[in-house]
C-alpha atoms as a PDB file:
ATOM      1  CA  MET A   1      -0.033   0.012  -0.008  1.00  0.00           C
ATOM      2  CA  LYS A   2       1.448   3.380  -0.865  1.00  0.00           C
ATOM      3  CA  ALA A   3       1.866   5.757   1.981  1.00  0.00           C
ATOM      4  CA  LYS A   4       0.811   9.315   1.748  1.00  0.00           C
ATOM      5  CA  GLN A   5       3.531  11.916   1.494  1.00  0.00           C
ATOM      6  CA  PRO A   6       3.368  14.610   4.141  1.00  0.00           C
ATOM      7  CA  ALA A   7       1.360  17.502   2.788  1.00  0.00           C
ATOM      8  CA  SER A   8       3.304  20.727   2.387  1.00  0.00           C
ATOM      9  CA  GLY A   9       1.760  24.013   3.029  1.00  0.00           C
ATOM     10  CA  ARG A  10      -0.816  22.736   5.559  1.00  0.00           C
ATOM     11  CA  SER A  11      -0.635  24.576   8.889  1.00  0.00           C
ATOM     12  CA  GLY A  12      -1.395  23.217  12.258  1.00  0.00           C
ATOM     13  CA  SER A  13      -5.024  24.333  12.017  1.00  0.00           C
ATOM     14  CA  GLY A  14      -5.432  22.250   8.818  1.00  0.00           C
ATOM     15  CA  ARG A  15      -5.643  25.321   6.452  1.00  0.00           C
ATOM     16  CA  SER A  16      -4.370  24.871   2.918  1.00  0.00           C
ATOM     17  CA  ASP A  17      -3.894  27.936   0.600  1.00  0.00           C
ATOM     18  CA  ARG A  18      -3.088  26.626  -2.779  1.00  0.00           C
ATOM     19  CA  GLY A  19      -4.770  28.968  -5.171  1.00  0.00           C
ATOM     20  CA  SER A  20      -8.062  28.633  -6.938  1.00  0.00           C
ATOM     21  CA  ALA A  21      -9.662  25.768  -8.826  1.00  0.00           C
ATOM     22  CA  PRO A  22      -9.442  25.442 -12.616  1.00  0.00           C
ATOM     23  CA  ARG A  23     -12.207  27.594 -14.113  1.00  0.00           C
ATOM     24  CA  GLY A  24     -15.410  25.696 -14.582  1.00  0.00           C
ATOM     25  CA  GLU A  25     -14.069  22.598 -12.919  1.00  0.00           C
ATOM     26  CA  LEU A  26     -15.191  23.080  -9.361  1.00  0.00           C
ATOM     27  CA  SER A  27     -17.728  25.381  -7.719  1.00  0.00           C
ATOM     28  CA  VAL A  28     -15.739  25.811  -4.533  1.00  0.00           C
ATOM     29  CA  PRO A  29     -12.399  27.427  -4.017  1.00  0.00           C
ATOM     30  CA  GLY A  30      -9.256  25.392  -3.627  1.00  0.00           C
ATOM     31  CA  THR A  31      -6.903  23.472  -5.890  1.00  0.00           C
ATOM     32  CA  VAL A  32      -7.955  20.169  -7.271  1.00  0.00           C
ATOM     33  CA  THR A  33      -5.421  17.785  -8.946  1.00  0.00           C
ATOM     34  CA  PRO A  34      -5.753  14.871 -11.217  1.00  0.00           C
ATOM     35  CA  GLY A  35      -6.385  11.508  -9.499  1.00  0.00           C
ATOM     36  CA  LEU A  36      -5.294   8.052 -10.349  1.00  0.00           C
ATOM     37  CA  PRO A  37      -7.133   6.339 -13.276  1.00  0.00           C
ATOM     38  CA  PRO A  38     -10.570   4.934 -12.350  1.00  0.00           C
ATOM     39  CA  ALA A  39     -10.720   1.252 -11.303  1.00  0.00           C
ATOM     40  CA  GLY A  40     -12.494  -1.109 -13.659  1.00  0.00           C
ATOM     41  CA  SER A  41     -12.997  -3.735 -10.941  1.00  0.00           C
ATOM     42  CA  PHE A  42     -12.204  -4.298  -7.241  1.00  0.00           C
ATOM     43  CA  ALA A  43      -9.457  -6.776  -8.259  1.00  0.00           C
ATOM     44  CA  GLU A  44      -7.451  -3.839  -9.705  1.00  0.00           C
ATOM     45  CA  LEU A  45      -7.314  -2.065  -6.422  1.00  0.00           C
ATOM     46  CA  GLU A  46      -5.177  -4.569  -4.538  1.00  0.00           C
ATOM     47  CA  LEU A  47      -7.425  -4.443  -1.561  1.00  0.00           C
ATOM     48  CA  PRO A  48      -6.622  -6.709   1.397  1.00  0.00           C
ATOM     49  CA  VAL A  49      -7.764 -10.267   0.783  1.00  0.00           C
ATOM     50  CA  GLU A  50     -10.157 -10.036   3.721  1.00  0.00           C
ATOM     51  CA  LEU A  51     -12.033  -7.253   2.091  1.00  0.00           C
ATOM     52  CA  MET A  52     -12.149  -8.986  -1.234  1.00  0.00           C
ATOM     53  CA  GLU A  53     -13.657 -12.139   0.440  1.00  0.00           C
ATOM     54  CA  VAL A  54     -16.350  -9.951   2.147  1.00  0.00           C
ATOM     55  CA  LEU A  55     -17.232  -8.224  -1.151  1.00  0.00           C
ATOM     56  CA  ALA A  56     -17.475 -11.633  -2.878  1.00  0.00           C
ATOM     57  CA  GLY A  57     -19.612 -13.021  -0.062  1.00  0.00           C
ATOM     58  CA  LEU A  58     -21.962 -10.161  -0.348  1.00  0.00           C
ATOM     59  CA  GLY A  59     -22.219 -10.439  -4.152  1.00  0.00           C
ATOM     60  CA  ILE A  60     -20.500  -7.164  -4.783  1.00  0.00           C
ATOM     61  CA  ARG A  61     -18.444  -7.567  -7.951  1.00  0.00           C
ATOM     62  CA  GLU A  62     -18.154  -4.275  -9.676  1.00  0.00           C
ATOM     63  CA  PRO A  63     -17.466  -0.865  -8.125  1.00  0.00           C
ATOM     64  CA  PHE A  64     -20.151   1.872  -8.494  1.00  0.00           C
ATOM     65  CA  PRO A  65     -19.020   4.939 -10.431  1.00  0.00           C
ATOM     66  CA  ILE A  66     -18.093   6.982  -7.321  1.00  0.00           C
ATOM     67  CA  GLN A  67     -16.153   4.003  -5.939  1.00  0.00           C
ATOM     68  CA  ALA A  68     -14.302   3.492  -9.247  1.00  0.00           C
ATOM     69  CA  ALA A  69     -13.455   7.170  -9.455  1.00  0.00           C
ATOM     70  CA  THR A  70     -12.201   7.742  -5.966  1.00  0.00           C
ATOM     71  CA  LEU A  71     -10.887   4.433  -4.455  1.00  0.00           C
ATOM     72  CA  PRO A  72      -7.582   4.364  -6.315  1.00  0.00           C
ATOM     73  CA  SER A  73      -6.660   7.817  -5.084  1.00  0.00           C
ATOM     74  CA  ALA A  74      -8.143   7.275  -1.668  1.00  0.00           C
ATOM     75  CA  LEU A  75      -6.160   4.083  -1.130  1.00  0.00           C
ATOM     76  CA  ALA A  76      -2.988   5.912  -2.182  1.00  0.00           C
ATOM     77  CA  GLY A  77      -3.680   8.373   0.715  1.00  0.00           C
ATOM     78  CA  ARG A  78      -4.819  11.335  -1.326  1.00  0.00           C
ATOM     79  CA  ASP A  79      -7.464  13.770  -0.041  1.00  0.00           C
ATOM     80  CA  VAL A  80     -10.756  13.297  -1.935  1.00  0.00           C
ATOM     81  CA  LEU A  81     -13.537  15.702  -2.722  1.00  0.00           C
ATOM     82  CA  GLY A  82     -16.624  13.885  -3.982  1.00  0.00           C
ATOM     83  CA  ARG A  83     -19.943  15.131  -5.227  1.00  0.00           C
ATOM     84  CA  ALA A  84     -22.400  12.206  -4.819  1.00  0.00           C
ATOM     85  CA  ARG A  85     -25.941  11.778  -3.489  1.00  0.00           C
ATOM     86  CA  THR A  86     -27.269   9.198  -0.995  1.00  0.00           C
ATOM     87  CA  GLY A  87     -27.484   5.834  -2.596  1.00  0.00           C
ATOM     88  CA  SER A  88     -24.565   6.385  -4.943  1.00  0.00           C
ATOM     89  CA  GLY A  89     -22.371   3.940  -3.112  1.00  0.00           C
ATOM     90  CA  LYS A  90     -20.114   6.488  -1.459  1.00  0.00           C
ATOM     91  CA  THR A  91     -20.030   4.662   1.887  1.00  0.00           C
ATOM     92  CA  LEU A  92     -17.735   2.007   0.458  1.00  0.00           C
ATOM     93  CA  ALA A  93     -15.954   4.634  -1.612  1.00  0.00           C
ATOM     94  CA  PHE A  94     -14.518   6.147   1.549  1.00  0.00           C
ATOM     95  CA  GLY A  95     -15.052   3.105   3.790  1.00  0.00           C
ATOM     96  CA  LEU A  96     -12.975   0.501   1.956  1.00  0.00           C
ATOM     97  CA  ALA A  97     -10.023   2.942   1.763  1.00  0.00           C
ATOM     98  CA  LEU A  98     -10.345   3.993   5.371  1.00  0.00           C
ATOM     99  CA  LEU A  99     -10.400   0.390   6.612  1.00  0.00           C
ATOM    100  CA  ALA A 100      -7.623  -0.858   4.288  1.00  0.00           C
ATOM    101  CA  ARG A 101      -5.308   2.036   5.332  1.00  0.00           C
ATOM    102  CA  THR A 102      -6.115   1.430   9.011  1.00  0.00           C
ATOM    103  CA  ALA A 103      -5.719  -2.351   8.976  1.00  0.00           C
ATOM    104  CA  GLY A 104      -2.932  -3.710  11.166  1.00  0.00           C
ATOM    105  CA  ARG A 105      -2.991  -0.674  13.573  1.00  0.00           C
ATOM    106  CA  ARG A 106      -4.278  -0.711  17.108  1.00  0.00           C
ATOM    107  CA  ALA A 107      -5.802   2.299  18.820  1.00  0.00           C
ATOM    108  CA  GLU A 108      -4.889   3.403  22.261  1.00  0.00           C
ATOM    109  CA  PRO A 109      -7.739   3.939  24.765  1.00  0.00           C
ATOM    110  CA  LYS A 110      -9.815   6.989  23.881  1.00  0.00           C
ATOM    111  CA  ARG A 111      -7.727   7.686  20.797  1.00  0.00           C
ATOM    112  CA  PRO A 112      -9.328   6.468  17.539  1.00  0.00           C
ATOM    113  CA  LEU A 113      -7.279   6.330  14.316  1.00  0.00           C
ATOM    114  CA  ALA A 114     -10.131   7.057  11.793  1.00  0.00           C
ATOM    115  CA  LEU A 115     -13.167   9.288  12.021  1.00  0.00           C
ATOM    116  CA  VAL A 116     -16.329   9.502   9.961  1.00  0.00           C
ATOM    117  CA  LEU A 117     -18.543  12.504  10.668  1.00  0.00           C
ATOM    118  CA  VAL A 118     -22.196  12.407   9.526  1.00  0.00           C
ATOM    119  CA  PRO A 119     -25.201  14.775  10.118  1.00  0.00           C
ATOM    120  CA  THR A 120     -27.703  12.352  11.815  1.00  0.00           C
ATOM    121  CA  ARG A 121     -27.904   9.392  14.132  1.00  0.00           C
ATOM    122  CA  GLU A 122     -29.771   7.399  11.417  1.00  0.00           C
ATOM    123  CA  LEU A 123     -26.969   7.871   8.874  1.00  0.00           C
ATOM    124  CA  ALA A 124     -24.295   7.076  11.479  1.00  0.00           C
ATOM    125  CA  GLN A 125     -25.984   3.764  12.173  1.00  0.00           C
ATOM    126  CA  GLN A 126     -26.366   3.038   8.498  1.00  0.00           C
ATOM    127  CA  VAL A 127     -22.613   3.760   7.850  1.00  0.00           C
ATOM    128  CA  SER A 128     -21.606   1.668  10.810  1.00  0.00           C
ATOM    129  CA  GLU A 129     -23.784  -1.243   9.704  1.00  0.00           C
ATOM    130  CA  ALA A 130     -22.480  -1.078   6.153  1.00  0.00           C
ATOM    131  CA  LEU A 131     -18.836  -1.080   7.156  1.00  0.00           C
ATOM    132  CA  ALA A 132     -19.280  -3.601  10.066  1.00  0.00           C
ATOM    133  CA  PRO A 133     -18.552  -6.794   8.123  1.00  0.00           C
ATOM    134  CA  TYR A 134     -15.424  -5.247   6.441  1.00  0.00           C
ATOM    135  CA  ALA A 135     -14.081  -3.940   9.782  1.00  0.00           C
ATOM    136  CA  GLU A 136     -14.682  -7.266  11.485  1.00  0.00           C
ATOM    137  CA  ALA A 137     -12.866  -9.113   8.735  1.00  0.00           C
ATOM    138  CA  LEU A 138      -9.846  -6.905   9.264  1.00  0.00           C
ATOM    139  CA  GLY A 139     -10.020  -7.164  13.035  1.00  0.00           C
ATOM    140  CA  LEU A 140     -10.766  -3.424  13.470  1.00  0.00           C
ATOM    141  CA  ARG A 141     -12.897  -2.152  16.319  1.00  0.00           C
ATOM    142  CA  SER A 142     -15.515   0.502  15.627  1.00  0.00           C
ATOM    143  CA  VAL A 143     -17.871   2.454  17.718  1.00  0.00           C
ATOM    144  CA  THR A 144     -20.999   4.603  16.769  1.00  0.00           C
ATOM    145  CA  VAL A 145     -20.985   7.913  18.650  1.00  0.00           C
ATOM    146  CA  VAL A 146     -24.451   9.615  18.436  1.00  0.00           C
ATOM    147  CA  GLY A 147     -26.953  11.329  20.602  1.00  0.00           C
ATOM    148  CA  GLY A 148     -30.088   9.507  21.834  1.00  0.00           C
ATOM    149  CA  LEU A 149     -28.138   6.376  22.788  1.00  0.00           C
ATOM    150  CA  SER A 150     -26.281   5.486  25.948  1.00  0.00           C
ATOM    151  CA  ILE A 151     -23.182   7.730  26.313  1.00  0.00           C
ATOM    152  CA  GLY A 152     -21.885   5.305  28.951  1.00  0.00           C
ATOM    153  CA  ARG A 153     -21.563   2.473  26.367  1.00  0.00           C
ATOM    154  CA  GLN A 154     -19.980   4.759  23.857  1.00  0.00           C
ATOM    155  CA  VAL A 155     -17.394   5.860  26.559  1.00  0.00           C
ATOM    156  CA  SER A 156     -16.734   2.217  27.458  1.00  0.00           C
ATOM    157  CA  ALA A 157     -16.004   1.316  23.847  1.00  0.00           C
ATOM    158  CA  LEU A 158     -13.696   4.230  23.478  1.00  0.00           C
ATOM    159  CA  ARG A 159     -11.810   3.365  26.593  1.00  0.00           C
ATOM    160  CA  ALA A 160     -11.477  -0.223  25.383  1.00  0.00           C
ATOM    161  CA  GLY A 161      -9.902   1.099  22.201  1.00  0.00           C
ATOM    162  CA  ALA A 162     -11.679   1.687  18.894  1.00  0.00           C
ATOM    163  CA  GLU A 163      -9.759   2.213  15.626  1.00  0.00           C
ATOM    164  CA  VAL A 164     -12.813   3.629  13.786  1.00  0.00           C
ATOM    165  CA  VAL A 165     -15.402   6.159  15.091  1.00  0.00           C
ATOM    166  CA  VAL A 166     -18.505   7.005  13.203  1.00  0.00           C
ATOM    167  CA  ALA A 167     -20.079  10.069  14.860  1.00  0.00           C
ATOM    168  CA  THR A 168     -22.485  13.004  14.724  1.00  0.00           C
ATOM    169  CA  PRO A 169     -20.755  16.265  15.433  1.00  0.00           C
ATOM    170  CA  GLY A 170     -22.677  17.108  18.623  1.00  0.00           C
ATOM    171  CA  ARG A 171     -22.148  13.924  20.506  1.00  0.00           C
ATOM    172  CA  LEU A 172     -18.494  13.793  19.427  1.00  0.00           C
ATOM    173  CA  ALA A 173     -18.049  17.393  20.833  1.00  0.00           C
ATOM    174  CA  ASP A 174     -19.621  16.222  24.128  1.00  0.00           C
ATOM    175  CA  LEU A 175     -17.126  13.334  24.420  1.00  0.00           C
ATOM    176  CA  VAL A 176     -14.145  15.368  23.477  1.00  0.00           C
ATOM    177  CA  ALA A 177     -15.135  17.970  26.076  1.00  0.00           C
ATOM    178  CA  ARG A 178     -15.457  15.269  28.691  1.00  0.00           C
ATOM    179  CA  ARG A 179     -11.948  14.070  27.679  1.00  0.00           C
ATOM    180  CA  ASP A 180     -13.411  10.648  26.919  1.00  0.00           C
ATOM    181  CA  CYS A 181     -12.245  10.922  23.226  1.00  0.00           C
ATOM    182  CA  HIS A 182      -9.047  12.465  21.842  1.00  0.00           C
ATOM    183  CA  LEU A 183      -8.543  13.115  18.194  1.00  0.00           C
ATOM    184  CA  ASP A 184      -4.766  13.548  18.139  1.00  0.00           C
ATOM    185  CA  ARG A 185      -4.235  10.153  16.590  1.00  0.00           C
ATOM    186  CA  VAL A 186      -6.781  10.447  13.815  1.00  0.00           C
ATOM    187  CA  ARG A 187      -4.952   9.759  10.517  1.00  0.00           C
ATOM    188  CA  ILE A 188      -8.048   9.665   8.306  1.00  0.00           C
ATOM    189  CA  ALA A 189     -11.077  11.888   8.642  1.00  0.00           C
ATOM    190  CA  VAL A 190     -14.211  11.709   6.521  1.00  0.00           C
ATOM    191  CA  LEU A 191     -17.054  14.168   6.192  1.00  0.00           C
ATOM    192  CA  ASP A 192     -20.122  12.429   4.798  1.00  0.00           C
ATOM    193  CA  GLU A 193     -23.158  14.567   3.648  1.00  0.00           C
ATOM    194  CA  ALA A 194     -21.137  17.654   4.380  1.00  0.00           C
ATOM    195  CA  ASP A 195     -23.772  19.970   3.061  1.00  0.00           C
ATOM    196  CA  GLN A 196     -26.449  18.584   5.485  1.00  0.00           C
ATOM    197  CA  MET A 197     -24.028  19.156   8.375  1.00  0.00           C
ATOM    198  CA  CYS A 198     -23.543  22.764   7.333  1.00  0.00           C
ATOM    199  CA  ASP A 199     -27.346  23.251   6.824  1.00  0.00           C
ATOM    200  CA  MET A 200     -27.993  21.771  10.306  1.00  0.00           C
ATOM    201  CA  GLY A 201     -25.606  24.233  11.925  1.00  0.00           C
ATOM    202  CA  PHE A 202     -22.824  21.775  12.705  1.00  0.00           C
ATOM    203  CA  LEU A 203     -20.060  23.780  10.900  1.00  0.00           C
ATOM    204  CA  PRO A 204     -18.430  25.004  14.234  1.00  0.00           C
ATOM    205  CA  GLN A 205     -18.364  21.471  15.727  1.00  0.00           C
ATOM    206  CA  VAL A 206     -17.005  19.912  12.509  1.00  0.00           C
ATOM    207  CA  SER A 207     -14.310  22.561  12.238  1.00  0.00           C
ATOM    208  CA  GLU A 208     -13.331  22.071  15.840  1.00  0.00           C
ATOM    209  CA  ALA A 209     -13.046  18.321  15.412  1.00  0.00           C
ATOM    210  CA  LEU A 210     -10.876  18.631  12.377  1.00  0.00           C
ATOM    211  CA  ASP A 211      -8.745  21.197  14.064  1.00  0.00           C
ATOM    212  CA  ARG A 212      -8.013  18.645  16.725  1.00  0.00           C
ATOM    213  CA  THR A 213      -6.770  16.061  14.173  1.00  0.00           C
ATOM    214  CA  PRO A 214      -3.091  16.116  13.327  1.00  0.00           C
ATOM    215  CA  PRO A 215      -1.952  18.022  10.200  1.00  0.00           C
ATOM    216  CA  GLY A 216      -0.943  15.957   7.207  1.00  0.00           C
ATOM    217  CA  GLY A 217      -3.627  13.306   7.687  1.00  0.00           C
ATOM    218  CA  GLN A 218      -5.903  12.165   4.912  1.00  0.00           C
ATOM    219  CA  ARG A 219      -9.256  13.906   4.609  1.00  0.00           C
ATOM    220  CA  MET A 220     -12.230  12.962   2.432  1.00  0.00           C
ATOM    221  CA  LEU A 221     -15.383  14.946   1.960  1.00  0.00           C
ATOM    222  CA  PHE A 222     -18.424  13.820   0.222  1.00  0.00           C
ATOM    223  CA  SER A 223     -21.517  16.052  -0.439  1.00  0.00           C
ATOM    224  CA  ALA A 224     -24.498  16.236  -2.712  1.00  0.00           C
ATOM    225  CA  THR A 225     -23.770  19.873  -3.346  1.00  0.00           C
ATOM    226  CA  LEU A 226     -20.499  21.900  -2.983  1.00  0.00           C
ATOM    227  CA  ASP A 227     -21.902  25.332  -2.264  1.00  0.00           C
ATOM    228  CA  ARG A 228     -22.874  27.203   0.888  1.00  0.00           C
ATOM    229  CA  ASN A 229     -20.390  26.580   3.749  1.00  0.00           C
ATOM    230  CA  VAL A 230     -18.989  23.410   2.083  1.00  0.00           C
ATOM    231  CA  ASP A 231     -16.472  25.572   0.235  1.00  0.00           C
ATOM    232  CA  GLN A 232     -15.107  26.789   3.647  1.00  0.00           C
ATOM    233  CA  LEU A 233     -14.458  23.237   4.691  1.00  0.00           C
ATOM    234  CA  VAL A 234     -12.748  22.499   1.414  1.00  0.00           C
ATOM    235  CA  ARG A 235     -10.473  25.538   1.572  1.00  0.00           C
ATOM    236  CA  GLN A 236      -9.467  24.897   5.196  1.00  0.00           C
ATOM    237  CA  TYR A 237      -9.057  21.196   5.439  1.00  0.00           C
ATOM    238  CA  LEU A 238      -8.440  19.512   2.020  1.00  0.00           C
ATOM    239  CA  SER A 239      -5.046  19.444   0.536  1.00  0.00           C
ATOM    240  CA  GLU A 240      -4.986  19.272  -3.257  1.00  0.00           C
ATOM    241  CA  PRO A 241      -7.965  16.963  -3.351  1.00  0.00           C
ATOM    242  CA  VAL A 242      -8.875  14.666  -6.121  1.00  0.00           C
ATOM    243  CA  PHE A 243     -12.304  15.767  -7.324  1.00  0.00           C
ATOM    244  CA  ALA A 244     -14.952  13.333  -8.531  1.00  0.00           C
ATOM    245  CA  ALA A 245     -18.566  13.822  -9.458  1.00  0.00           C
ATOM    246  CA  VAL A 246     -21.127  11.202 -10.508  1.00  0.00           C
ATOM    247  CA  ASP A 247     -24.174  13.460 -10.865  1.00  0.00           C
ATOM    248  CA  ARG A 248     -25.029  16.934 -11.845  1.00  0.00           C
ATOM    249  CA  ALA A 249     -24.389  19.750  -9.509  1.00  0.00           C
ATOM    250  CA  GLU A 250     -28.024  20.928  -9.668  1.00  0.00           C
ATOM    251  CA  GLY A 251     -30.567  18.720  -7.945  1.00  0.00           C
ATOM    252  CA  SER A 252     -33.894  17.347  -9.063  1.00  0.00           C
ATOM    253  CA  VAL A 253     -35.651  19.922  -6.884  1.00  0.00           C
ATOM    254  CA  ALA A 254     -35.653  22.126  -9.977  1.00  0.00           C
ATOM    255  CA  THR A 255     -38.507  20.037 -11.284  1.00  0.00           C
ATOM    256  CA  MET A 256     -40.597  20.139  -8.119  1.00  0.00           C
ATOM    257  CA  GLU A 257     -43.631  22.250  -7.364  1.00  0.00           C
ATOM    258  CA  HIS A 258     -43.578  23.944  -3.972  1.00  0.00           C
ATOM    259  CA  HIS A 259     -46.713  25.122  -2.188  1.00  0.00           C
ATOM    260  CA  VAL A 260     -47.263  26.934   1.030  1.00  0.00           C
ATOM    261  CA  LEU A 261     -50.545  26.518   2.823  1.00  0.00           C
ATOM    262  CA  ASN A 262     -51.670  29.072   5.436  1.00  0.00           C
ATOM    263  CA  VAL A 263     -53.844  27.032   7.762  1.00  0.00           C
ATOM    264  CA  HIS A 264     -55.546  27.910  10.950  1.00  0.00           C
ATOM    265  CA  PRO A 265     -54.137  25.896  13.903  1.00  0.00           C
ATOM    266  CA  ALA A 266     -57.487  24.232  14.428  1.00  0.00           C
ATOM    267  CA  ASP A 267     -57.489  22.868  10.835  1.00  0.00           C
ATOM    268  CA  LYS A 268     -53.939  21.650  10.727  1.00  0.00           C
ATOM    269  CA  TYR A 269     -54.755  18.014  11.553  1.00  0.00           C
ATOM    270  CA  VAL A 270     -57.560  17.855   9.025  1.00  0.00           C
ATOM    271  CA  THR A 271     -55.448  19.362   6.347  1.00  0.00           C
ATOM    272  CA  ALA A 272     -52.425  17.222   7.081  1.00  0.00           C
ATOM    273  CA  THR A 273     -54.522  14.086   7.180  1.00  0.00           C
ATOM    274  CA  GLU A 274     -55.965  14.795   3.761  1.00  0.00           C
ATOM    275  CA  ILE A 275     -52.497  15.269   2.367  1.00  0.00           C
ATOM    276  CA  ALA A 276     -51.316  12.018   4.039  1.00  0.00           C
ATOM    277  CA  ALA A 277     -54.193  10.074   2.482  1.00  0.00           C
ATOM    278  CA  ARG A 278     -53.318  10.962  -1.139  1.00  0.00           C
ATOM    279  CA  ASP A 279     -52.043   8.288  -3.528  1.00  0.00           C
ATOM    280  CA  GLY A 280     -48.460   7.283  -3.409  1.00  0.00           C
ATOM    281  CA  ARG A 281     -45.919   7.815  -0.636  1.00  0.00           C
ATOM    282  CA  VAL A 282     -45.909  10.962   1.548  1.00  0.00           C
ATOM    283  CA  LEU A 283     -43.026  12.051   3.717  1.00  0.00           C
ATOM    284  CA  MET A 284     -43.921  14.425   6.539  1.00  0.00           C
ATOM    285  CA  PHE A 285     -41.706  16.353   9.001  1.00  0.00           C
ATOM    286  CA  LEU A 286     -42.742  17.544  12.466  1.00  0.00           C
ATOM    287  CA  ASP A 287     -40.780  19.482  15.021  1.00  0.00           C
ATOM    288  CA  THR A 288     -40.729  16.979  17.970  1.00  0.00           C
ATOM    289  CA  LYS A 289     -40.672  13.289  18.638  1.00  0.00           C
ATOM    290  CA  HIS A 290     -43.913  13.687  20.675  1.00  0.00           C
ATOM    291  CA  GLY A 291     -45.579  15.388  17.823  1.00  0.00           C
ATOM    292  CA  VAL A 292     -44.543  12.629  15.374  1.00  0.00           C
ATOM    293  CA  ASP A 293     -45.871   9.921  17.687  1.00  0.00           C
ATOM    294  CA  GLN A 294     -49.101  11.711  18.316  1.00  0.00           C
ATOM    295  CA  PHE A 295     -49.783  12.398  14.635  1.00  0.00           C
ATOM    296  CA  THR A 296     -48.811   8.907  13.602  1.00  0.00           C
ATOM    297  CA  ARG A 297     -51.426   7.487  16.032  1.00  0.00           C
ATOM    298  CA  HIS A 298     -53.945   9.932  14.633  1.00  0.00           C
ATOM    299  CA  LEU A 299     -53.226   8.809  11.033  1.00  0.00           C
ATOM    300  CA  ARG A 300     -53.490   5.133  11.971  1.00  0.00           C
ATOM    301  CA  SER A 301     -56.801   5.702  13.789  1.00  0.00           C
ATOM    302  CA  SER A 302     -57.966   7.364  10.542  1.00  0.00           C
ATOM    303  CA  GLY A 303     -57.188   4.284   8.557  1.00  0.00           C
ATOM    304  CA  ILE A 304     -54.041   5.569   7.070  1.00  0.00           C
ATOM    305  CA  LYS A 305     -50.911   3.364   7.178  1.00  0.00           C
ATOM    306  CA  ALA A 306     -48.166   5.450   8.859  1.00  0.00           C
END
C-alpha cells in the first residue's frame, strides 16, 4: 500500500492555501489535482484479501462509479472531494479505503485512528452497519457515537480502544469536552453529507473536530452539493484533493412544485390528514418526537398506514 507523503503548506489548523480551482471545474475554491485512473474492478485495487472475500460473499463484484473514481486515489492516501448523493455507493468509496489504510494498527484507549462525521444518528447507524462486516474481517474495532443512545456504552467502547469512530458532530463534541475521546491520533477523517451538516448548523463542531486532528492526515469530503459553507471546509481542510462527481451539480428539486398553505391551527390536523391520504408515498416532518408519535397515532386511527 502506498503511503501518503506529508502535505506541504498545511498549517497546524489544517488550512491549505493553494490557489483557486481550474475555471469551470469546481464550484468551490481550492486547488484540485488529477487523481489516479478509475478502477475497472475491485481486483485492480489490490485491496486486502479479507475485504475481497467480504465483497465476494455479499455479491458485490463491480464498483459503483463513485467508488471506481475515488478508491484508487483514496487508497494511495490522497485527499478526496466527491460530489455524490445518497445511494450512490459513497459509503464504500471512503469506507474501503479508510479500513484498508487502518488495517494492522491498534488504537490506544480513547484515541481512535479514523473518524467519519455524519449529520444524523440514522446515517451514522447506516454507515456503521455497512462497514461492520469489512471492519470485522480486518480485526478493526469501531464505535458509533451519536446522541439519543447511551453515552456510557460509547465511553466504554472508546476506553477499550476503537480504531474507527462513526459520529455525529454534537455527541463527538460532548465526548471530546469530557476528555473521553481524543482526536490527536486520527490519521483519516471523512465528512459524509457535508452539506447537510452545514445546513443543520454543525459547521463549528465539524471545524473544531478537524482542528483537533493532526496536520498531514488524509481527509475525504462527500456532499450532494458543493456550495454554501462546504467551500469553507474544502479551503481549510483538504489538501490538493482529487475531485470526482457522479451526478449533476444541480438537484432534481428544480423539477418540483412547491406550495405553502396558510392554515388555521384548528385545521392543521384535518389538512395534514388529507395530504397524508393521497395516492403514493408521503413524507412528513414535524418538530418534535412527541408530535410525530401523536400524529402517527392519529393517522392510523383514521385508517392511514403510517
